[in-house]
């Protein structure tokens, strides 16, 4: 083989190899390739091994079909009460139609960003600052609805919209902090006063219950003492009555005469004289008869013959 033939063979092999390389296209997973034939859309290549016509078909763009997360820089937004707040947004979206994402809009990322900014200004522009700070979920829902509807013709589905931060002006932040601090101090004072009030009520209830219990105990003790005293008096009276009855029965059974009664009367006189208050004696009128009877004790009885 001559040198010229060798060169021709090498050129043919190189051309064939180049043609084969341009004919076979391997598309990665979760990726779509847009193929144009002679400048017009031809088809969309799916993941795997694909064959194209070399020098006639060309890959226009490679589209990522995975869900993408894009964070947009802070955007100044004016609320309904004329305050400027800075809002950071995060968009979660996914390309569902690679052809529409390629031919319906020049740059769908820029389109999503600008649409997010304009929609955010429209939504937040109808809210005051306080509602804006407390209505993140409402803002997210409104943004998602508008974005999903507007980007549908671009072959994009917006899955979720999140507000990372809502930053009011520094002067408003200082005022809000002062207001929050005042509210916290107020709540603390209210809680302290309520605690003191509850403590005073509980203490008063405790003292009341203690006083009631003491009074009840004293009343029950007084009743018990009165009952015990009554029972003691009843027992003493019963004992005295029994003693008097026994003495009365003994006297009647012994049949005492006048001499014995006079002698017993004289024995009780010293008991009457006991005590500091007994300074004056009053001699009863019957004292003479008693002495006569007493004198009869020492006089011998007369014989029947005298």
Protein backbone atom coordinates (compact mmCIF):
# COMPACT_ATOMS: atom_id res chain seq x y z
CA UNK A 1 0.00 0.00 0.00
CA UNK A 2 1.38 3.33 -0.96
CA UNK A 3 1.56 6.36 1.22
CA UNK A 4 -1.27 8.04 -0.67
CA UNK A 5 -3.58 5.09 -0.10
CA UNK A 6 -2.68 5.00 3.59
CA UNK A 7 -3.49 8.66 3.99
CA UNK A 8 -6.84 8.21 2.20
CA UNK A 9 -7.67 5.26 4.44
CA UNK A 10 -6.88 7.24 7.56
CA UNK A 11 -9.00 10.13 6.37
CA UNK A 12 -11.91 7.79 5.67
CA UNK A 13 -11.61 6.16 9.09
CA UNK A 14 -11.47 9.53 10.79
CA UNK A 15 -14.50 10.73 8.87
CA UNK A 16 -16.41 7.59 9.73
CA UNK A 17 -15.44 7.90 13.41
CA UNK A 18 -16.41 11.53 13.48
CA UNK A 19 -19.73 10.73 11.82
CA UNK A 20 -20.43 7.95 14.31
CA UNK A 21 -19.54 10.28 17.19
CA UNK A 22 -21.95 12.88 15.85
CA UNK A 23 -24.62 10.25 15.32
CA UNK A 24 -24.65 8.75 18.84
CA UNK A 25 -25.85 10.94 21.73
CA UNK A 26 -25.97 9.75 25.36
CA UNK A 27 -28.34 11.81 27.51
CA UNK A 28 -27.90 11.67 31.35
CA UNK A 29 -30.72 10.79 33.73
CA UNK A 30 -33.20 13.60 34.63
CA UNK A 31 -32.05 15.56 31.59
CA UNK A 32 -33.73 16.34 28.26
CA UNK A 33 -32.03 17.48 25.04
CA UNK A 34 -33.74 19.69 22.46
CA UNK A 35 -32.85 18.63 18.89
CA UNK A 36 -33.14 21.04 15.95
CA UNK A 37 -33.03 19.82 12.37
CA UNK A 38 -31.95 22.44 9.87
CA UNK A 39 -32.76 25.19 12.37
CA UNK A 40 -36.23 23.93 13.35
CA UNK A 41 -37.37 21.97 16.41
CA UNK A 42 -37.29 18.27 15.61
CA UNK A 43 -37.66 16.27 18.81
CA UNK A 44 -36.68 15.96 22.47
CA UNK A 45 -34.12 13.34 23.41
CA UNK A 46 -34.83 11.31 26.56
CA UNK A 47 -32.17 9.89 28.93
CA UNK A 48 -30.12 7.04 27.46
CA UNK A 49 -28.65 6.24 24.03
CA UNK A 50 -30.06 8.27 21.12
CA UNK A 51 -29.21 8.45 17.41
CA UNK A 52 -29.26 11.67 15.40
CA UNK A 53 -28.38 12.59 11.84
CA UNK A 54 -24.92 14.15 11.83
CA UNK A 55 -24.48 17.60 10.35
CA UNK A 56 -28.27 17.91 10.05
CA UNK A 57 -29.47 17.51 13.65
CA UNK A 58 -27.95 19.50 16.46
CA UNK A 59 -28.55 19.81 20.19
CA UNK A 60 -30.15 23.19 20.91
CA UNK A 61 -30.09 22.98 24.72
CA UNK A 62 -29.80 20.55 27.65
CA UNK A 63 -32.65 20.99 30.14
CA UNK A 64 -32.40 19.84 33.78
CA UNK A 65 -35.67 18.14 34.77
CA UNK A 66 -34.97 18.01 38.50
CA UNK A 67 -36.61 20.34 40.98
CA UNK A 68 -34.54 23.47 41.28
CA UNK A 69 -34.16 25.93 44.12
CA UNK A 70 -33.43 29.55 43.31
CA UNK A 71 -32.87 32.25 45.92
CA UNK A 72 -33.45 35.78 44.72
CA UNK A 73 -31.71 38.81 46.27
CA UNK A 74 -33.66 41.06 48.67
CA UNK A 75 -36.26 43.21 46.97
CA UNK A 76 -37.57 46.53 48.35
CA UNK A 77 -41.37 46.45 48.65
CA UNK A 78 -43.67 49.26 49.76
CA UNK A 79 -46.53 48.33 52.09
CA UNK A 80 -49.96 49.98 52.18
CA UNK A 81 -48.84 52.24 55.05
CA UNK A 82 -45.93 53.56 52.94
CA UNK A 83 -43.14 51.65 54.63
CA UNK A 84 -40.33 50.05 52.65
CA UNK A 85 -39.48 46.48 53.63
CA UNK A 86 -36.81 44.22 52.19
CA UNK A 87 -38.02 40.70 51.32
CA UNK A 88 -35.92 37.67 50.38
CA UNK A 89 -37.67 34.92 48.42
CA UNK A 90 -36.86 31.32 47.55
CA UNK A 91 -38.58 29.58 44.61
CA UNK A 92 -38.86 25.78 44.20
CA UNK A 93 -39.74 24.95 40.57
CA UNK A 94 -39.40 22.15 38.05
CA UNK A 95 -39.33 22.06 34.24
CA UNK A 96 -42.19 19.90 32.99
CA UNK A 97 -42.03 20.76 29.27
CA UNK A 98 -38.47 21.19 27.94
CA UNK A 99 -39.70 22.42 24.53
CA UNK A 100 -41.81 25.21 26.06
CA UNK A 101 -39.02 26.15 28.47
CA UNK A 102 -36.69 26.53 25.46
CA UNK A 103 -38.90 28.29 22.89
CA UNK A 104 -41.61 30.09 24.89
CA UNK A 105 -39.18 32.29 26.84
CA UNK A 106 -35.61 33.30 26.27
CA UNK A 107 -34.48 32.77 29.89
CA UNK A 108 -37.01 31.20 32.20
CA UNK A 109 -34.90 31.89 35.33
CA UNK A 110 -34.93 35.63 34.67
CA UNK A 111 -38.63 35.42 33.85
CA UNK A 112 -39.41 33.64 37.13
CA UNK A 113 -37.37 36.17 39.09
CA UNK A 114 -39.04 39.21 37.56
CA UNK A 115 -42.48 37.67 37.87
CA UNK A 116 -41.77 36.93 41.54
CA UNK A 117 -40.72 40.53 42.19
CA UNK A 118 -43.76 42.07 40.51
CA UNK A 119 -46.19 39.63 42.13
CA UNK A 120 -44.60 40.20 45.52
CA UNK A 121 -45.02 43.95 45.19
CA UNK A 122 -48.66 43.56 44.20
CA UNK A 123 -49.44 41.23 47.10
CA UNK A 124 -47.53 43.09 49.82
CA UNK A 125 -48.67 46.48 48.49
CA UNK A 126 -52.18 45.70 49.72
CA UNK A 127 -51.03 44.90 53.28
CA UNK A 128 -49.80 47.04 56.12
CA UNK A 129 -46.54 46.32 57.91
CA UNK A 130 -48.06 44.38 60.79
CA UNK A 131 -50.06 42.13 58.50
CA UNK A 132 -47.05 41.63 56.25
CA UNK A 133 -44.94 40.44 59.18
CA UNK A 134 -47.62 38.06 60.43
CA UNK A 135 -49.03 36.74 57.11
CA UNK A 136 -46.13 34.87 55.55
CA UNK A 137 -48.26 31.85 54.76
CA UNK A 138 -50.85 33.99 52.98
CA UNK A 139 -48.13 35.73 50.95
CA UNK A 140 -46.55 32.38 50.04
CA UNK A 141 -49.89 30.98 48.88
CA UNK A 142 -50.69 34.07 46.79
CA UNK A 143 -47.25 34.06 45.16
CA UNK A 144 -47.40 30.37 44.38
CA UNK A 145 -50.83 30.66 42.77
CA UNK A 146 -49.83 33.57 40.51
CA UNK A 147 -46.45 32.13 39.57
CA UNK A 148 -47.78 28.66 38.84
CA UNK A 149 -50.47 30.08 36.57
CA UNK A 150 -48.13 32.47 34.75
CA UNK A 151 -45.28 29.99 34.25
CA UNK A 152 -47.50 27.16 33.03
CA UNK A 153 -47.12 28.22 29.39
CA UNK A 154 -43.33 28.24 29.89
CA UNK A 155 -43.36 24.55 30.76
CA UNK A 156 -42.51 25.27 34.43
CA UNK A 157 -44.36 24.18 37.55
CA UNK A 158 -43.79 26.24 40.71
CA UNK A 159 -43.97 23.85 43.67
CA UNK A 160 -43.38 26.20 46.56
CA UNK A 161 -42.54 29.81 47.39
CA UNK A 162 -40.93 30.78 50.68
CA UNK A 163 -40.08 34.14 52.21
CA UNK A 164 -36.68 33.88 53.86
CA UNK A 165 -36.75 37.24 55.59
CA UNK A 166 -38.87 40.38 55.89
CA UNK A 167 -36.73 43.26 57.12
CA UNK A 168 -38.45 46.55 57.96
CA UNK A 169 -36.43 49.80 58.24
CA UNK A 170 -34.09 50.13 61.21
CA UNK A 171 -36.17 52.91 62.77
CA UNK A 172 -39.28 50.73 62.58
CA UNK A 173 -37.32 47.82 64.05
CA UNK A 174 -36.31 50.00 67.01
CA UNK A 175 -39.92 51.07 67.54
CA UNK A 176 -41.10 47.48 67.28
CA UNK A 177 -38.48 46.33 69.76
CA UNK A 178 -39.52 49.06 72.20
CA UNK A 179 -43.17 48.11 71.76
CA UNK A 180 -42.40 44.43 72.25
CA UNK A 181 -40.31 45.24 75.33
CA UNK A 182 -43.15 47.36 76.72
CA UNK A 183 -45.64 44.56 76.02
CA UNK A 184 -43.39 42.03 77.75
CA UNK A 185 -42.96 44.34 80.75
CA UNK A 186 -46.72 44.86 80.86
CA UNK A 187 -47.40 41.13 80.72
CA UNK A 188 -44.77 40.55 83.40
CA UNK A 189 -46.36 43.20 85.64
CA UNK A 190 -49.81 41.73 85.04
CA UNK A 191 -48.57 38.24 85.83
CA UNK A 192 -46.80 39.49 88.96
CA UNK A 193 -49.92 41.32 90.15
CA UNK A 194 -52.05 38.29 89.37
CA UNK A 195 -49.65 36.09 91.29
CA UNK A 196 -49.69 38.42 94.29
CA UNK A 197 -53.48 38.57 94.11
CA UNK A 198 -53.77 34.80 94.01
CA UNK A 199 -51.30 34.51 96.88
CA UNK A 200 -53.28 37.03 98.96
CA UNK A 201 -56.53 35.21 98.18
CA UNK A 202 -55.02 31.87 99.10
CA UNK A 203 -53.54 33.30 102.30
CA UNK A 204 -56.89 34.86 103.24
CA UNK A 205 -58.67 31.60 102.47
CA UNK A 206 -56.16 29.74 104.60
CA UNK A 207 -56.54 32.14 107.50
CA UNK A 208 -60.32 31.97 107.17
CA UNK A 209 -60.31 28.19 107.20
CA UNK A 210 -57.89 28.18 110.14
CA UNK A 211 -60.11 30.61 112.08
CA UNK A 212 -63.18 28.53 111.27
CA UNK A 213 -61.42 25.37 112.37
CA UNK A 214 -60.19 27.03 115.58
CA UNK A 215 -63.65 28.37 116.36
CA UNK A 216 -65.18 24.99 115.60
CA UNK A 217 -62.60 23.29 117.78
CA UNK A 218 -63.15 25.74 120.63
CA UNK A 219 -66.94 25.30 120.33
CA UNK A 220 -66.63 21.53 120.34
CA UNK A 221 -64.22 21.73 123.30
CA UNK A 222 -66.64 24.02 125.18
CA UNK A 223 -69.49 21.62 124.45
CA UNK A 224 -67.42 18.69 125.62
CA UNK A 225 -66.38 20.57 128.77
CA UNK A 226 -69.98 21.53 129.47
CA UNK A 227 -71.08 17.95 128.93
CA UNK A 228 -68.30 16.70 131.20
CA UNK A 229 -69.19 19.29 133.87
CA UNK A 230 -72.87 18.41 133.61
CA UNK A 231 -72.10 14.73 133.89
CA UNK A 232 -69.79 15.43 136.87
CA UNK A 233 -72.44 17.52 138.59
CA UNK A 234 -75.04 14.88 137.87
CA UNK A 235 -72.74 12.23 139.32
CA UNK A 236 -71.98 14.41 142.38
CA UNK A 237 -75.67 15.13 142.87
CA UNK A 238 -76.43 11.47 142.49
CA UNK A 239 -73.68 10.64 145.00
CA UNK A 240 -74.98 13.24 147.45
CA UNK A 241 -78.52 11.98 146.98
CA UNK A 242 -77.38 8.43 147.58
CA UNK A 243 -75.42 9.53 150.67
CA UNK A 244 -78.39 11.48 152.05
CA UNK A 245 -80.63 8.52 151.34
CA UNK A 246 -78.26 6.19 153.13
CA UNK A 247 -78.01 8.55 156.11
CA UNK A 248 -81.76 9.01 156.13
CA UNK A 249 -82.34 5.27 156.07
CA UNK A 250 -79.70 4.70 158.77
CA UNK A 251 -81.28 7.35 161.03
CA UNK A 252 -84.75 5.91 160.58
CA UNK A 253 -83.52 2.40 161.09
CA UNK A 254 -81.62 3.45 164.26
CA UNK A 255 -84.65 5.36 165.63
CA UNK A 256 -82.62 8.15 167.35
CA UNK A 257 -84.02 9.98 170.35
CA UNK A 258 -83.78 13.64 171.30
CA UNK A 259 -80.52 13.17 173.22
CA UNK A 260 -78.68 11.79 170.15
CA UNK A 261 -79.93 14.55 167.88
CA UNK A 262 -78.81 17.18 170.38
CA UNK A 263 -75.38 15.61 170.61
CA UNK A 264 -75.05 15.53 166.79
CA UNK A 265 -76.08 19.16 166.59
CA UNK A 266 -73.30 20.15 168.97
CA UNK A 267 -70.77 18.28 166.85
CA UNK A 268 -71.70 20.29 163.75
CA UNK A 269 -71.17 23.64 165.48
CA UNK A 270 -67.34 23.60 165.04
CA UNK A 271 -67.76 23.00 161.31
CA UNK A 272 -70.03 26.01 161.12
CA UNK A 273 -67.43 28.13 162.91
CA UNK A 274 -64.62 27.28 160.47
CA UNK A 275 -63.57 29.97 157.99
CA UNK A 276 -62.40 33.59 158.19
CA UNK A 277 -65.83 34.98 157.43
CA UNK A 278 -67.49 33.30 160.40
CA UNK A 279 -66.81 35.99 163.03
CA UNK A 280 -70.38 36.40 164.38
CA UNK A 281 -72.50 33.55 165.67
CA UNK A 282 -76.23 33.66 165.73
CA UNK A 283 -77.56 31.29 168.30
CA UNK A 284 -80.85 29.83 167.23
CA UNK A 285 -83.89 29.94 169.51
CA UNK A 286 -83.90 26.20 169.76
CA UNK A 287 -80.51 26.28 171.48
CA UNK A 288 -82.09 26.14 174.94
CA UNK A 289 -84.04 23.01 174.16
CA UNK A 290 -80.88 21.45 172.74
CA UNK A 291 -78.95 22.23 175.92
CA UNK A 292 -81.78 20.85 178.05
CA UNK A 293 -81.72 17.65 176.04
CA UNK A 294 -77.95 17.60 176.24
CA UNK A 295 -78.05 18.04 180.01
CA UNK A 296 -80.38 15.13 180.22
CA UNK A 297 -77.64 12.97 178.87
CA UNK A 298 -75.68 13.34 182.12
CA UNK A 299 -78.67 13.12 184.50
CA UNK A 300 -79.33 9.61 185.70
CA UNK A 301 -82.76 8.37 185.01
CA UNK A 302 -85.26 8.46 187.83
CA UNK A 303 -86.44 5.23 189.32
CA UNK A 304 -90.03 4.42 188.82
CA UNK A 305 -90.67 4.42 192.55
CA UNK A 306 -89.71 8.06 193.09
